[in-house]
Amino acid sequence: MAKSLRSKWKRKMRAEKRKKNAPKELARLKSTLAMGGKGEISMKDVEEIATVVPAEKLKEKVADVDMKGEDDTGKMDMDGKRSKKTLLDEHGQYPTWMSQRQAKKMRGKRNAKKGKAKKPKGIAW
């Protein structure tokens, strides 16, 4: 979609900015990691660069996965309540990844099956 001259220019300028700021970011990251060995590191400095997760939470996650075993690893129950045919969930909502155009098309198909045909647009001769 983004093929206009303006978007191409913006992408180019963002790439230039990334190139310009990369050495600063790398130096900042290296200095932060260097301070970590001495124990002088503050979490606020690291939070600016990366997401910080406490070690206890990670250990709990690993322990939970080990307890469950391999039974639940291959199955996701995210869209278990969604109709395979119409892609509607229990509240009558389409998935978030579906575009408005696709949703309108699916709605039209559903309504056509009910017998409610739409009137054609334009002048009838």
C-alpha atoms as a PDB file:
ATOM      1  CA  MET A   1       0.000   0.000   0.000  1.00  0.00           C
ATOM      2  CA  ALA A   2       2.665   2.497   0.920  1.00  0.00           C
ATOM      3  CA  LYS A   3       3.906   3.351  -2.564  1.00  0.00           C
ATOM      4  CA  SER A   4       3.478   7.112  -2.678  1.00  0.00           C
ATOM      5  CA  LEU A   5       6.474   9.396  -2.984  1.00  0.00           C
ATOM      6  CA  ARG A   6       5.828  10.803   0.465  1.00  0.00           C
ATOM      7  CA  SER A   7       5.868   7.400   2.159  1.00  0.00           C
ATOM      8  CA  LYS A   8       8.985   6.364   0.261  1.00  0.00           C
ATOM      9  CA  TRP A   9      10.717   9.547   1.390  1.00  0.00           C
ATOM     10  CA  LYS A  10       9.610   9.011   4.994  1.00  0.00           C
ATOM     11  CA  ARG A  11      10.897   5.413   4.934  1.00  0.00           C
ATOM     12  CA  LYS A  12      14.205   6.596   3.492  1.00  0.00           C
ATOM     13  CA  MET A  13      14.580   9.286   6.161  1.00  0.00           C
ATOM     14  CA  ARG A  14      13.721   6.835   8.970  1.00  0.00           C
ATOM     15  CA  ALA A  15      16.445   4.504   7.646  1.00  0.00           C
ATOM     16  CA  GLU A  16      18.915   7.409   7.623  1.00  0.00           C
ATOM     17  CA  LYS A  17      17.968   8.274  11.185  1.00  0.00           C
ATOM     18  CA  ARG A  18      18.487   4.637  12.278  1.00  0.00           C
ATOM     19  CA  LYS A  19      21.956   4.656  10.664  1.00  0.00           C
ATOM     20  CA  LYS A  20      22.830   7.916  12.404  1.00  0.00           C
ATOM     21  CA  ASN A  21      21.630   6.783  15.855  1.00  0.00           C
ATOM     22  CA  ALA A  22      22.950   3.197  15.689  1.00  0.00           C
ATOM     23  CA  PRO A  23      26.463   3.970  17.017  1.00  0.00           C
ATOM     24  CA  LYS A  24      25.022   5.937  19.948  1.00  0.00           C
ATOM     25  CA  GLU A  25      22.607   3.121  20.783  1.00  0.00           C
ATOM     26  CA  LEU A  26      25.362   0.520  20.587  1.00  0.00           C
ATOM     27  CA  ALA A  27      27.647   2.550  22.844  1.00  0.00           C
ATOM     28  CA  ARG A  28      24.822   3.047  25.340  1.00  0.00           C
ATOM     29  CA  LEU A  29      24.026  -0.667  25.362  1.00  0.00           C
ATOM     30  CA  LYS A  30      27.690  -1.623  25.801  1.00  0.00           C
ATOM     31  CA  SER A  31      28.106   0.813  28.678  1.00  0.00           C
ATOM     32  CA  THR A  32      24.969  -0.531  30.335  1.00  0.00           C
ATOM     33  CA  LEU A  33      26.202  -4.106  30.012  1.00  0.00           C
ATOM     34  CA  ALA A  34      29.652  -3.127  31.285  1.00  0.00           C
ATOM     35  CA  MET A  35      28.114  -1.619  34.423  1.00  0.00           C
ATOM     36  CA  GLY A  36      26.201  -4.861  34.999  1.00  0.00           C
ATOM     37  CA  GLY A  37      29.352  -6.781  35.941  1.00  0.00           C
ATOM     38  CA  LYS A  38      30.177  -4.310  38.734  1.00  0.00           C
ATOM     39  CA  GLY A  39      26.695  -4.301  40.210  1.00  0.00           C
ATOM     40  CA  GLU A  40      26.276  -0.562  39.637  1.00  0.00           C
ATOM     41  CA  ILE A  41      23.552  -0.915  37.052  1.00  0.00           C
ATOM     42  CA  SER A  42      20.226   0.789  37.595  1.00  0.00           C
ATOM     43  CA  MET A  43      17.060  -0.671  36.109  1.00  0.00           C
ATOM     44  CA  LYS A  44      15.898   2.732  34.854  1.00  0.00           C
ATOM     45  CA  ASP A  45      18.838   2.898  32.449  1.00  0.00           C
ATOM     46  CA  VAL A  46      18.057  -0.542  31.066  1.00  0.00           C
ATOM     47  CA  GLU A  47      14.302   0.090  30.778  1.00  0.00           C
ATOM     48  CA  GLU A  48      15.014   2.829  28.235  1.00  0.00           C
ATOM     49  CA  ILE A  49      16.710   0.285  25.963  1.00  0.00           C
ATOM     50  CA  ALA A  50      14.893  -3.003  26.580  1.00  0.00           C
ATOM     51  CA  THR A  51      11.984  -4.595  28.402  1.00  0.00           C
ATOM     52  CA  VAL A  52      12.987  -5.757  31.857  1.00  0.00           C
ATOM     53  CA  VAL A  53      11.441  -8.931  33.271  1.00  0.00           C
ATOM     54  CA  PRO A  54      12.383 -10.137  36.756  1.00  0.00           C
ATOM     55  CA  ALA A  55      14.187 -13.481  36.908  1.00  0.00           C
ATOM     56  CA  GLU A  56      11.564 -14.904  39.305  1.00  0.00           C
ATOM     57  CA  LYS A  57       8.821 -14.546  36.686  1.00  0.00           C
ATOM     58  CA  LEU A  58      10.905 -16.332  34.078  1.00  0.00           C
ATOM     59  CA  LYS A  59      11.658 -19.174  36.491  1.00  0.00           C
ATOM     60  CA  GLU A  60       7.938 -19.509  37.318  1.00  0.00           C
ATOM     61  CA  LYS A  61       7.075 -19.670  33.611  1.00  0.00           C
ATOM     62  CA  VAL A  62       9.635 -22.397  33.004  1.00  0.00           C
ATOM     63  CA  ALA A  63       8.383 -24.350  36.017  1.00  0.00           C
ATOM     64  CA  ASP A  64       4.759 -24.079  34.808  1.00  0.00           C
ATOM     65  CA  VAL A  65       5.693 -25.343  31.352  1.00  0.00           C
ATOM     66  CA  ASP A  66       7.621 -28.262  32.840  1.00  0.00           C
ATOM     67  CA  MET A  67       4.677 -29.260  35.067  1.00  0.00           C
ATOM     68  CA  LYS A  68       2.174 -29.223  32.202  1.00  0.00           C
ATOM     69  CA  GLY A  69       4.233 -31.529  30.071  1.00  0.00           C
ATOM     70  CA  GLU A  70       3.835 -31.980  26.322  1.00  0.00           C
ATOM     71  CA  ASP A  71       0.038 -32.388  26.264  1.00  0.00           C
ATOM     72  CA  ASP A  72      -0.848 -28.702  25.826  1.00  0.00           C
ATOM     73  CA  THR A  73       2.137 -27.490  23.833  1.00  0.00           C
ATOM     74  CA  GLY A  74       0.767 -27.997  20.311  1.00  0.00           C
ATOM     75  CA  LYS A  75      -2.728 -26.615  20.838  1.00  0.00           C
ATOM     76  CA  MET A  76      -3.939 -23.037  21.070  1.00  0.00           C
ATOM     77  CA  ASP A  77      -7.436 -22.373  22.324  1.00  0.00           C
ATOM     78  CA  MET A  78      -7.493 -18.685  21.328  1.00  0.00           C
ATOM     79  CA  ASP A  79     -10.157 -19.035  18.622  1.00  0.00           C
ATOM     80  CA  GLY A  80     -11.989 -22.028  20.064  1.00  0.00           C
ATOM     81  CA  LYS A  81     -15.313 -20.183  20.191  1.00  0.00           C
ATOM     82  CA  ARG A  82     -15.124 -18.894  16.610  1.00  0.00           C
ATOM     83  CA  SER A  83     -17.201 -20.391  13.809  1.00  0.00           C
ATOM     84  CA  LYS A  84     -15.002 -21.902  11.103  1.00  0.00           C
ATOM     85  CA  LYS A  85     -17.533 -21.142   8.369  1.00  0.00           C
ATOM     86  CA  THR A  86     -18.498 -17.534   9.133  1.00  0.00           C
ATOM     87  CA  LEU A  87     -15.402 -16.587  11.220  1.00  0.00           C
ATOM     88  CA  LEU A  88     -17.691 -14.914  13.774  1.00  0.00           C
ATOM     89  CA  ASP A  89     -17.045 -15.300  17.495  1.00  0.00           C
ATOM     90  CA  GLU A  90     -19.721 -15.732  20.186  1.00  0.00           C
ATOM     91  CA  HIS A  91     -20.348 -11.972  20.213  1.00  0.00           C
ATOM     92  CA  GLY A  92     -20.832 -11.750  16.438  1.00  0.00           C
ATOM     93  CA  GLN A  93     -17.457 -10.047  15.863  1.00  0.00           C
ATOM     94  CA  TYR A  94     -15.043 -10.792  13.030  1.00  0.00           C
ATOM     95  CA  PRO A  95     -11.341 -11.387  13.801  1.00  0.00           C
ATOM     96  CA  THR A  96      -9.133  -8.325  14.225  1.00  0.00           C
ATOM     97  CA  TRP A  97      -6.954  -9.270  11.257  1.00  0.00           C
ATOM     98  CA  MET A  98      -9.934  -9.224   8.878  1.00  0.00           C
ATOM     99  CA  SER A  99     -10.307  -6.034   6.849  1.00  0.00           C
ATOM    100  CA  GLN A 100     -13.579  -4.114   6.655  1.00  0.00           C
ATOM    101  CA  ARG A 101     -13.934  -5.041   2.998  1.00  0.00           C
ATOM    102  CA  GLN A 102     -13.632  -8.763   3.772  1.00  0.00           C
ATOM    103  CA  ALA A 103     -16.104  -8.459   6.647  1.00  0.00           C
ATOM    104  CA  LYS A 104     -18.608  -6.687   4.390  1.00  0.00           C
ATOM    105  CA  LYS A 105     -18.236  -9.431   1.781  1.00  0.00           C
ATOM    106  CA  MET A 106     -18.824 -12.150   4.382  1.00  0.00           C
ATOM    107  CA  ARG A 107     -21.862 -10.265   5.720  1.00  0.00           C
ATOM    108  CA  GLY A 108     -23.252 -10.084   2.199  1.00  0.00           C
ATOM    109  CA  LYS A 109     -22.840 -13.817   1.731  1.00  0.00           C
ATOM    110  CA  ARG A 110     -24.554 -14.502   5.056  1.00  0.00           C
ATOM    111  CA  ASN A 111     -27.472 -12.218   4.256  1.00  0.00           C
ATOM    112  CA  ALA A 112     -27.833 -13.688   0.766  1.00  0.00           C
ATOM    113  CA  LYS A 113     -28.238 -17.153   2.289  1.00  0.00           C
ATOM    114  CA  LYS A 114     -31.046 -15.852   4.508  1.00  0.00           C
ATOM    115  CA  GLY A 115     -32.976 -14.767   1.413  1.00  0.00           C
ATOM    116  CA  LYS A 116     -32.675 -11.018   1.878  1.00  0.00           C
ATOM    117  CA  ALA A 117     -31.371  -9.857  -1.475  1.00  0.00           C
ATOM    118  CA  LYS A 118     -30.055  -6.317  -1.774  1.00  0.00           C
ATOM    119  CA  LYS A 119     -31.530  -3.888  -4.293  1.00  0.00           C
ATOM    120  CA  PRO A 120     -29.114  -3.129  -7.111  1.00  0.00           C
ATOM    121  CA  LYS A 121     -27.645   0.358  -7.139  1.00  0.00           C
ATOM    122  CA  GLY A 122     -28.171   2.778  -9.955  1.00  0.00           C
ATOM    123  CA  ILE A 123     -31.035   3.563 -12.282  1.00  0.00           C
ATOM    124  CA  ALA A 124     -33.396   0.743 -13.174  1.00  0.00           C
ATOM    125  CA  TRP A 125     -34.351   0.951 -16.917  1.00  0.00           C
END
